Amino acid sequence: ELEVGSKTLFGEVEGQRETSLVSELAFKTCEVFQ
C-alpha cells in the first residue's frame, strides 16, 4: 500500500487511490493460507 512503486499498479489518478486491490490480494492470500 505504501511503496511508491506500487502506485502504478492501482491505476492511481491525481493522488487518489483505494485500498480495494491490496485488500483483495490479502483476502485471497488468507483463503489460500487456510
PDB file of all heavy atoms in Angstrom:
ATOM      1  N   GLU A   1       0.824  -1.214   0.000  1.00  0.00           N
ATOM      2  CA  GLU A   1       0.000   0.000   0.000  1.00  0.00           C
ATOM      3  C   GLU A   1       0.854   1.258   0.000  1.00  0.00           C
ATOM      4  O   GLU A   1       0.511   2.247  -0.648  1.00  0.00           O
ATOM      5  CB  GLU A   1      -0.919  -0.016   1.232  1.00  0.00           C
ATOM      6  CG  GLU A   1      -1.537   1.317   1.616  1.00  0.00           C
ATOM      7  CD  GLU A   1      -2.611   1.787   0.649  1.00  0.00           C
ATOM      8  OE1 GLU A   1      -2.990   1.002  -0.250  1.00  0.00           O
ATOM      9  OE2 GLU A   1      -3.057   2.935   0.768  1.00  0.00           O
ATOM     10  N   LEU A   2       1.974   1.232   0.713  1.00  0.00           N
ATOM     11  CA  LEU A   2       2.756   2.448   0.937  1.00  0.00           C
ATOM     12  C   LEU A   2       3.906   2.647  -0.046  1.00  0.00           C
ATOM     13  O   LEU A   2       4.387   3.765  -0.207  1.00  0.00           O
ATOM     14  CB  LEU A   2       3.308   2.456   2.367  1.00  0.00           C
ATOM     15  CG  LEU A   2       2.254   2.522   3.481  1.00  0.00           C
ATOM     16  CD1 LEU A   2       2.908   2.352   4.843  1.00  0.00           C
ATOM     17  CD2 LEU A   2       1.472   3.821   3.418  1.00  0.00           C
ATOM     18  N   GLU A   3       4.368   1.574  -0.659  1.00  0.00           N
ATOM     19  CA  GLU A   3       5.516   1.717  -1.557  1.00  0.00           C
ATOM     20  C   GLU A   3       5.143   2.555  -2.776  1.00  0.00           C
ATOM     21  O   GLU A   3       4.121   2.318  -3.421  1.00  0.00           O
ATOM     22  CB  GLU A   3       6.042   0.352  -2.000  1.00  0.00           C
ATOM     23  CG  GLU A   3       6.882  -0.333  -0.932  1.00  0.00           C
ATOM     24  CD  GLU A   3       7.645  -1.521  -1.485  1.00  0.00           C
ATOM     25  OE1 GLU A   3       7.596  -1.756  -2.703  1.00  0.00           O
ATOM     26  OE2 GLU A   3       8.299  -2.211  -0.678  1.00  0.00           O
ATOM     27  N   VAL A   4       6.004   3.506  -3.087  1.00  0.00           N
ATOM     28  CA  VAL A   4       5.742   4.411  -4.210  1.00  0.00           C
ATOM     29  C   VAL A   4       5.610   3.638  -5.513  1.00  0.00           C
ATOM     30  O   VAL A   4       4.774   3.918  -6.356  1.00  0.00           O
ATOM     31  CB  VAL A   4       6.869   5.458  -4.320  1.00  0.00           C
ATOM     32  CG1 VAL A   4       6.655   6.333  -5.544  1.00  0.00           C
ATOM     33  CG2 VAL A   4       6.932   6.303  -3.054  1.00  0.00           C
ATOM     34  N   GLY A   5       6.441   2.624  -5.700  1.00  0.00           N
ATOM     35  CA  GLY A   5       6.447   1.879  -6.954  1.00  0.00           C
ATOM     36  C   GLY A   5       5.157   1.133  -7.229  1.00  0.00           C
ATOM     37  O   GLY A   5       4.872   0.792  -8.379  1.00  0.00           O
ATOM     38  N   SER A   6       4.381   0.852  -6.194  1.00  0.00           N
ATOM     39  CA  SER A   6       3.149   0.079  -6.399  1.00  0.00           C
ATOM     40  C   SER A   6       1.992   0.947  -6.855  1.00  0.00           C
ATOM     41  O   SER A   6       0.945   0.443  -7.244  1.00  0.00           O
ATOM     42  CB  SER A   6       2.756  -0.640  -5.105  1.00  0.00           C
ATOM     43  OG  SER A   6       2.355   0.293  -4.114  1.00  0.00           O
ATOM     44  N   LYS A   7       2.166   2.263  -6.825  1.00  0.00           N
ATOM     45  CA  LYS A   7       1.055   3.139  -7.165  1.00  0.00           C
ATOM     46  C   LYS A   7       0.565   2.923  -8.590  1.00  0.00           C
ATOM     47  O   LYS A   7      -0.635   2.998  -8.868  1.00  0.00           O
ATOM     48  CB  LYS A   7       1.460   4.602  -6.975  1.00  0.00           C
ATOM     49  CG  LYS A   7       1.656   4.990  -5.513  1.00  0.00           C
ATOM     50  CD  LYS A   7       1.989   6.473  -5.386  1.00  0.00           C
ATOM     51  CE  LYS A   7       2.141   6.851  -3.916  1.00  0.00           C
ATOM     52  NZ  LYS A   7       2.455   8.293  -3.769  1.00  0.00           N
ATOM     53  N   THR A   8       1.478   2.661  -9.488  1.00  0.00           N
ATOM     54  CA  THR A   8       1.068   2.491 -10.886  1.00  0.00           C
ATOM     55  C   THR A   8       0.193   1.255 -11.062  1.00  0.00           C
ATOM     56  O   THR A   8      -0.607   1.186 -11.993  1.00  0.00           O
ATOM     57  CB  THR A   8       2.307   2.362 -11.787  1.00  0.00           C
ATOM     58  OG1 THR A   8       3.130   1.282 -11.317  1.00  0.00           O
ATOM     59  CG2 THR A   8       3.117   3.649 -11.760  1.00  0.00           C
ATOM     60  N   LEU A   9       0.327   0.277 -10.165  1.00  0.00           N
ATOM     61  CA  LEU A   9      -0.472  -0.932 -10.263  1.00  0.00           C
ATOM     62  C   LEU A   9      -1.933  -0.665  -9.917  1.00  0.00           C
ATOM     63  O   LEU A   9      -2.811  -1.439 -10.281  1.00  0.00           O
ATOM     64  CB  LEU A   9       0.092  -2.012  -9.328  1.00  0.00           C
ATOM     65  CG  LEU A   9       1.532  -2.457  -9.619  1.00  0.00           C
ATOM     66  CD1 LEU A   9       1.993  -3.438  -8.559  1.00  0.00           C
ATOM     67  CD2 LEU A   9       1.627  -3.090 -11.001  1.00  0.00           C
ATOM     68  N   PHE A  10      -2.172   0.410  -9.184  1.00  0.00           N
ATOM     69  CA  PHE A  10      -3.535   0.732  -8.785  1.00  0.00           C
ATOM     70  C   PHE A  10      -4.264   1.576  -9.828  1.00  0.00           C
ATOM     71  O   PHE A  10      -5.451   1.835  -9.695  1.00  0.00           O
ATOM     72  CB  PHE A  10      -3.525   1.536  -7.467  1.00  0.00           C
ATOM     73  CG  PHE A  10      -3.164   0.733  -6.268  1.00  0.00           C
ATOM     74  CD1 PHE A  10      -1.844   0.533  -5.909  1.00  0.00           C
ATOM     75  CD2 PHE A  10      -4.141   0.178  -5.466  1.00  0.00           C
ATOM     76  CE1 PHE A  10      -1.509  -0.195  -4.797  1.00  0.00           C
ATOM     77  CE2 PHE A  10      -3.823  -0.551  -4.342  1.00  0.00           C
ATOM     78  CZ  PHE A  10      -2.510  -0.734  -4.001  1.00  0.00           C
ATOM     79  N   GLY A  11      -3.521   2.044 -10.822  1.00  0.00           N
ATOM     80  CA  GLY A  11      -4.133   2.967 -11.761  1.00  0.00           C
ATOM     81  C   GLY A  11      -4.464   4.279 -11.089  1.00  0.00           C
ATOM     82  O   GLY A  11      -5.521   4.871 -11.321  1.00  0.00           O
ATOM     83  N   GLU A  12      -3.562   4.747 -10.249  1.00  0.00           N
ATOM     84  CA  GLU A  12      -3.815   5.954  -9.467  1.00  0.00           C
ATOM     85  C   GLU A  12      -3.970   7.174 -10.378  1.00  0.00           C
ATOM     86  O   GLU A  12      -3.245   7.356 -11.346  1.00  0.00           O
ATOM     87  CB  GLU A  12      -2.666   6.188  -8.489  1.00  0.00           C
ATOM     88  CG  GLU A  12      -2.870   7.417  -7.619  1.00  0.00           C
ATOM     89  CD  GLU A  12      -1.746   7.579  -6.617  1.00  0.00           C
ATOM     90  OE1 GLU A  12      -1.028   6.592  -6.364  1.00  0.00           O
ATOM     91  OE2 GLU A  12      -1.594   8.686  -6.093  1.00  0.00           O
ATOM     92  N   VAL A  13      -4.949   8.006 -10.045  1.00  0.00           N
ATOM     93  CA  VAL A  13      -5.214   9.226 -10.808  1.00  0.00           C
ATOM     94  C   VAL A  13      -5.188  10.406  -9.846  1.00  0.00           C
ATOM     95  O   VAL A  13      -5.979  10.461  -8.907  1.00  0.00           O
ATOM     96  CB  VAL A  13      -6.579   9.163 -11.517  1.00  0.00           C
ATOM     97  CG1 VAL A  13      -6.830  10.468 -12.277  1.00  0.00           C
ATOM     98  CG2 VAL A  13      -6.631   7.976 -12.460  1.00  0.00           C
ATOM     99  N   GLU A  14      -4.257  11.337 -10.091  1.00  0.00           N
ATOM    100  CA  GLU A  14      -4.167  12.563  -9.309  1.00  0.00           C
ATOM    101  C   GLU A  14      -4.143  12.296  -7.808  1.00  0.00           C
ATOM    102  O   GLU A  14      -4.833  12.937  -7.028  1.00  0.00           O
ATOM    103  CB  GLU A  14      -5.331  13.497  -9.655  1.00  0.00           C
ATOM    104  CG  GLU A  14      -5.321  13.956 -11.101  1.00  0.00           C
ATOM    105  CD  GLU A  14      -6.463  14.893 -11.413  1.00  0.00           C
ATOM    106  OE1 GLU A  14      -7.310  15.118 -10.517  1.00  0.00           O
ATOM    107  OE2 GLU A  14      -6.518  15.404 -12.541  1.00  0.00           O
ATOM    108  N   GLY A  15      -3.365  11.306  -7.422  1.00  0.00           N
ATOM    109  CA  GLY A  15      -3.169  11.050  -6.000  1.00  0.00           C
ATOM    110  C   GLY A  15      -4.291  10.312  -5.315  1.00  0.00           C
ATOM    111  O   GLY A  15      -4.241  10.067  -4.119  1.00  0.00           O
ATOM    112  N   GLN A  16      -5.338   9.952  -6.066  1.00  0.00           N
ATOM    113  CA  GLN A  16      -6.459   9.256  -5.460  1.00  0.00           C
ATOM    114  C   GLN A  16      -6.300   7.756  -5.681  1.00  0.00           C
ATOM    115  O   GLN A  16      -6.064   7.301  -6.781  1.00  0.00           O
ATOM    116  CB  GLN A  16      -7.780   9.730  -6.076  1.00  0.00           C
ATOM    117  CG  GLN A  16      -8.054  11.212  -5.829  1.00  0.00           C
ATOM    118  CD  GLN A  16      -9.364  11.636  -6.449  1.00  0.00           C
ATOM    119  OE1 GLN A  16     -10.098  10.824  -6.992  1.00  0.00           O
ATOM    120  NE2 GLN A  16      -9.655  12.924  -6.370  1.00  0.00           N
ATOM    121  N   ARG A  17      -6.461   7.004  -4.621  1.00  0.00           N
ATOM    122  CA  ARG A  17      -6.349   5.559  -4.748  1.00  0.00           C
ATOM    123  C   ARG A  17      -7.209   4.896  -3.678  1.00  0.00           C
ATOM    124  O   ARG A  17      -7.507   5.470  -2.638  1.00  0.00           O
ATOM    125  CB  ARG A  17      -4.899   5.107  -4.621  1.00  0.00           C
ATOM    126  CG  ARG A  17      -4.258   5.440  -3.304  1.00  0.00           C
ATOM    127  CD  ARG A  17      -2.776   5.219  -3.301  1.00  0.00           C
ATOM    128  NE  ARG A  17      -2.415   3.834  -3.452  1.00  0.00           N
ATOM    129  CZ  ARG A  17      -1.201   3.364  -3.172  1.00  0.00           C
ATOM    130  NH1 ARG A  17      -0.266   4.172  -2.732  1.00  0.00           N
ATOM    131  NH2 ARG A  17      -0.921   2.102  -3.339  1.00  0.00           N
ATOM    132  N   GLU A  18      -7.605   3.683  -3.941  1.00  0.00           N
ATOM    133  CA  GLU A  18      -8.406   2.930  -2.990  1.00  0.00           C
ATOM    134  C   GLU A  18      -7.584   1.772  -2.442  1.00  0.00           C
ATOM    135  O   GLU A  18      -6.529   1.437  -2.979  1.00  0.00           O
ATOM    136  CB  GLU A  18      -9.671   2.397  -3.659  1.00  0.00           C
ATOM    137  CG  GLU A  18     -10.599   3.491  -4.168  1.00  0.00           C
ATOM    138  CD  GLU A  18     -11.836   2.900  -4.825  1.00  0.00           C
ATOM    139  OE1 GLU A  18     -11.908   1.665  -4.926  1.00  0.00           O
ATOM    140  OE2 GLU A  18     -12.706   3.681  -5.217  1.00  0.00           O
ATOM    141  N   THR A  19      -8.095   1.183  -1.378  1.00  0.00           N
ATOM    142  CA  THR A  19      -7.405   0.033  -0.797  1.00  0.00           C
ATOM    143  C   THR A  19      -8.014  -1.280  -1.276  1.00  0.00           C
ATOM    144  O   THR A  19      -7.667  -2.336  -0.768  1.00  0.00           O
ATOM    145  CB  THR A  19      -7.492   0.087   0.740  1.00  0.00           C
ATOM    146  OG1 THR A  19      -8.882   0.076   1.126  1.00  0.00           O
ATOM    147  CG2 THR A  19      -6.824   1.323   1.289  1.00  0.00           C
ATOM    148  N   SER A  20      -8.912  -1.202  -2.279  1.00  0.00           N
ATOM    149  CA  SER A  20      -9.625  -2.411  -2.677  1.00  0.00           C
ATOM    150  C   SER A  20      -8.709  -3.458  -3.277  1.00  0.00           C
ATOM    151  O   SER A  20      -8.877  -4.658  -3.036  1.00  0.00           O
ATOM    152  CB  SER A  20     -10.741  -2.060  -3.676  1.00  0.00           C
ATOM    153  OG  SER A  20     -10.216  -1.367  -4.790  1.00  0.00           O
ATOM    154  N   LEU A  21      -7.710  -3.057  -4.057  1.00  0.00           N
ATOM    155  CA  LEU A  21      -6.820  -4.031  -4.689  1.00  0.00           C
ATOM    156  C   LEU A  21      -5.963  -4.740  -3.656  1.00  0.00           C
ATOM    157  O   LEU A  21      -5.871  -5.978  -3.648  1.00  0.00           O
ATOM    158  CB  LEU A  21      -5.932  -3.354  -5.730  1.00  0.00           C
ATOM    159  CG  LEU A  21      -4.889  -4.261  -6.383  1.00  0.00           C
ATOM    160  CD1 LEU A  21      -5.555  -5.452  -7.070  1.00  0.00           C
ATOM    161  CD2 LEU A  21      -4.042  -3.493  -7.380  1.00  0.00           C
ATOM    162  N   VAL A  22      -5.341  -3.993  -2.762  1.00  0.00           N
ATOM    163  CA  VAL A  22      -4.494  -4.623  -1.762  1.00  0.00           C
ATOM    164  C   VAL A  22      -5.327  -5.504  -0.831  1.00  0.00           C
ATOM    165  O   VAL A  22      -4.881  -6.579  -0.411  1.00  0.00           O
ATOM    166  CB  VAL A  22      -3.700  -3.555  -0.962  1.00  0.00           C
ATOM    167  CG1 VAL A  22      -4.613  -2.692  -0.110  1.00  0.00           C
ATOM    168  CG2 VAL A  22      -2.648  -4.216  -0.083  1.00  0.00           C
ATOM    169  N   SER A  23      -6.557  -5.087  -0.529  1.00  0.00           N
ATOM    170  CA  SER A  23      -7.429  -5.916   0.315  1.00  0.00           C
ATOM    171  C   SER A  23      -7.792  -7.208  -0.398  1.00  0.00           C
ATOM    172  O   SER A  23      -7.786  -8.282   0.202  1.00  0.00           O
ATOM    173  CB  SER A  23      -8.697  -5.144   0.697  1.00  0.00           C
ATOM    174  OG  SER A  23      -8.403  -4.070   1.569  1.00  0.00           O
ATOM    175  N   GLU A  24      -8.087  -7.097  -1.697  1.00  0.00           N
ATOM    176  CA  GLU A  24      -8.449  -8.294  -2.455  1.00  0.00           C
ATOM    177  C   GLU A  24      -7.288  -9.282  -2.495  1.00  0.00           C
ATOM    178  O   GLU A  24      -7.475 -10.497  -2.296  1.00  0.00           O
ATOM    179  CB  GLU A  24      -8.856  -7.900  -3.878  1.00  0.00           C
ATOM    180  CG  GLU A  24      -9.362  -9.057  -4.731  1.00  0.00           C
ATOM    181  CD  GLU A  24     -10.683  -9.611  -4.242  1.00  0.00           C
ATOM    182  OE1 GLU A  24     -11.399  -8.911  -3.504  1.00  0.00           O
ATOM    183  OE2 GLU A  24     -10.998 -10.756  -4.616  1.00  0.00           O
ATOM    184  N   LEU A  25      -6.076  -8.790  -2.722  1.00  0.00           N
ATOM    185  CA  LEU A  25      -4.906  -9.667  -2.731  1.00  0.00           C
ATOM    186  C   LEU A  25      -4.685 -10.315  -1.373  1.00  0.00           C
ATOM    187  O   LEU A  25      -4.376 -11.512  -1.279  1.00  0.00           O
ATOM    188  CB  LEU A  25      -3.669  -8.867  -3.140  1.00  0.00           C
ATOM    189  CG  LEU A  25      -3.580  -8.446  -4.613  1.00  0.00           C
ATOM    190  CD1 LEU A  25      -2.446  -7.444  -4.809  1.00  0.00           C
ATOM    191  CD2 LEU A  25      -3.372  -9.671  -5.503  1.00  0.00           C
ATOM    192  N   ALA A  26      -4.844  -9.520  -0.307  1.00  0.00           N
ATOM    193  CA  ALA A  26      -4.624 -10.055   1.042  1.00  0.00           C
ATOM    194  C   ALA A  26      -5.698 -11.070   1.414  1.00  0.00           C
ATOM    195  O   ALA A  26      -5.394 -12.126   1.989  1.00  0.00           O
ATOM    196  CB  ALA A  26      -4.599  -8.909   2.058  1.00  0.00           C
ATOM    197  N   PHE A  27      -6.965 -10.778   1.088  1.00  0.00           N
ATOM    198  CA  PHE A  27      -8.037 -11.712   1.408  1.00  0.00           C
ATOM    199  C   PHE A  27      -7.870 -13.021   0.639  1.00  0.00           C
ATOM    200  O   PHE A  27      -8.096 -14.110   1.192  1.00  0.00           O
ATOM    201  CB  PHE A  27      -9.400 -11.089   1.090  1.00  0.00           C
ATOM    202  CG  PHE A  27      -9.842 -10.046   2.082  1.00  0.00           C
ATOM    203  CD1 PHE A  27     -10.426  -8.866   1.641  1.00  0.00           C
ATOM    204  CD2 PHE A  27      -9.690 -10.241   3.452  1.00  0.00           C
ATOM    205  CE1 PHE A  27     -10.847  -7.900   2.546  1.00  0.00           C
ATOM    206  CE2 PHE A  27     -10.102  -9.279   4.358  1.00  0.00           C
ATOM    207  CZ  PHE A  27     -10.684  -8.104   3.906  1.00  0.00           C
ATOM    208  N   LYS A  28      -7.490 -12.930  -0.629  1.00  0.00           N
ATOM    209  CA  LYS A  28      -7.272 -14.153  -1.404  1.00  0.00           C
ATOM    210  C   LYS A  28      -6.099 -14.952  -0.841  1.00  0.00           C
ATOM    211  O   LYS A  28      -6.130 -16.189  -0.825  1.00  0.00           O
ATOM    212  CB  LYS A  28      -7.003 -13.796  -2.872  1.00  0.00           C
ATOM    213  CG  LYS A  28      -8.224 -13.300  -3.625  1.00  0.00           C
ATOM    214  CD  LYS A  28      -9.304 -14.371  -3.701  1.00  0.00           C
ATOM    215  CE  LYS A  28     -10.497 -13.900  -4.513  1.00  0.00           C
ATOM    216  NZ  LYS A  28     -11.587 -14.919  -4.520  1.00  0.00           N
ATOM    217  N   THR A  29      -5.078 -14.254  -0.363  1.00  0.00           N
ATOM    218  CA  THR A  29      -3.946 -14.937   0.256  1.00  0.00           C
ATOM    219  C   THR A  29      -4.379 -15.629   1.542  1.00  0.00           C
ATOM    220  O   THR A  29      -3.927 -16.748   1.846  1.00  0.00           O
ATOM    221  CB  THR A  29      -2.802 -13.944   0.537  1.00  0.00           C
ATOM    222  OG1 THR A  29      -2.404 -13.337  -0.700  1.00  0.00           O
ATOM    223  CG2 THR A  29      -1.605 -14.647   1.151  1.00  0.00           C
ATOM    224  N   CYS A  30      -5.269 -14.991   2.308  1.00  0.00           N
ATOM    225  CA  CYS A  30      -5.811 -15.631   3.513  1.00  0.00           C
ATOM    226  C   CYS A  30      -6.561 -16.904   3.155  1.00  0.00           C
ATOM    227  O   CYS A  30      -6.475 -17.920   3.865  1.00  0.00           O
ATOM    228  CB  CYS A  30      -6.746 -14.667   4.248  1.00  0.00           C
ATOM    229  SG  CYS A  30      -5.933 -13.302   5.104  1.00  0.00           S
ATOM    230  N   GLU A  31      -7.289 -16.863   2.040  1.00  0.00           N
ATOM    231  CA  GLU A  31      -8.034 -18.041   1.597  1.00  0.00           C
ATOM    232  C   GLU A  31      -7.083 -19.175   1.214  1.00  0.00           C
ATOM    233  O   GLU A  31      -7.299 -20.335   1.596  1.00  0.00           O
ATOM    234  CB  GLU A  31      -8.912 -17.664   0.407  1.00  0.00           C
ATOM    235  CG  GLU A  31      -9.804 -18.783  -0.089  1.00  0.00           C
ATOM    236  CD  GLU A  31     -10.679 -18.351  -1.259  1.00  0.00           C
ATOM    237  OE1 GLU A  31     -10.639 -17.167  -1.641  1.00  0.00           O
ATOM    238  OE2 GLU A  31     -11.390 -19.214  -1.796  1.00  0.00           O
ATOM    239  N   VAL A  32      -6.022 -18.838   0.484  1.00  0.00           N
ATOM    240  CA  VAL A  32      -5.025 -19.847   0.121  1.00  0.00           C
ATOM    241  C   VAL A  32      -4.351 -20.390   1.380  1.00  0.00           C
ATOM    242  O   VAL A  32      -4.126 -21.605   1.508  1.00  0.00           O
ATOM    243  CB  VAL A  32      -3.969 -19.238  -0.835  1.00  0.00           C
ATOM    244  CG1 VAL A  32      -2.832 -20.229  -1.070  1.00  0.00           C
ATOM    245  CG2 VAL A  32      -4.618 -18.843  -2.163  1.00  0.00           C
ATOM    246  N   PHE A  33      -4.038 -19.503   2.301  1.00  0.00           N
ATOM    247  CA  PHE A  33      -3.412 -19.888   3.570  1.00  0.00           C
ATOM    248  C   PHE A  33      -4.272 -20.909   4.305  1.00  0.00           C
ATOM    249  O   PHE A  33      -3.789 -21.946   4.782  1.00  0.00           O
ATOM    250  CB  PHE A  33      -3.221 -18.620   4.412  1.00  0.00           C
ATOM    251  CG  PHE A  33      -2.595 -18.837   5.763  1.00  0.00           C
ATOM    252  CD1 PHE A  33      -1.633 -19.806   5.980  1.00  0.00           C
ATOM    253  CD2 PHE A  33      -2.977 -18.035   6.836  1.00  0.00           C
ATOM    254  CE1 PHE A  33      -1.046 -19.986   7.242  1.00  0.00           C
ATOM    255  CE2 PHE A  33      -2.406 -18.202   8.092  1.00  0.00           C
ATOM    256  CZ  PHE A  33      -1.447 -19.184   8.291  1.00  0.00           C
ATOM    257  N   GLN A  34      -5.581 -20.671   4.378  1.00  0.00           N
ATOM    258  CA  GLN A  34      -6.486 -21.593   5.051  1.00  0.00           C
ATOM    259  C   GLN A  34      -6.503 -22.954   4.367  1.00  0.00           C
ATOM    260  O   GLN A  34      -6.405 -24.000   5.023  1.00  0.00           O
ATOM    261  CB  GLN A  34      -7.900 -21.011   5.081  1.00  0.00           C
ATOM    262  CG  GLN A  34      -8.926 -21.969   5.702  1.00  0.00           C
ATOM    263  CD  GLN A  34     -10.325 -21.389   5.709  1.00  0.00           C
ATOM    264  OE1 GLN A  34     -10.532 -20.215   5.389  1.00  0.00           O
ATOM    265  NE2 GLN A  34     -11.305 -22.206   6.079  1.00  0.00           N
TER     266      GLN A  34
END
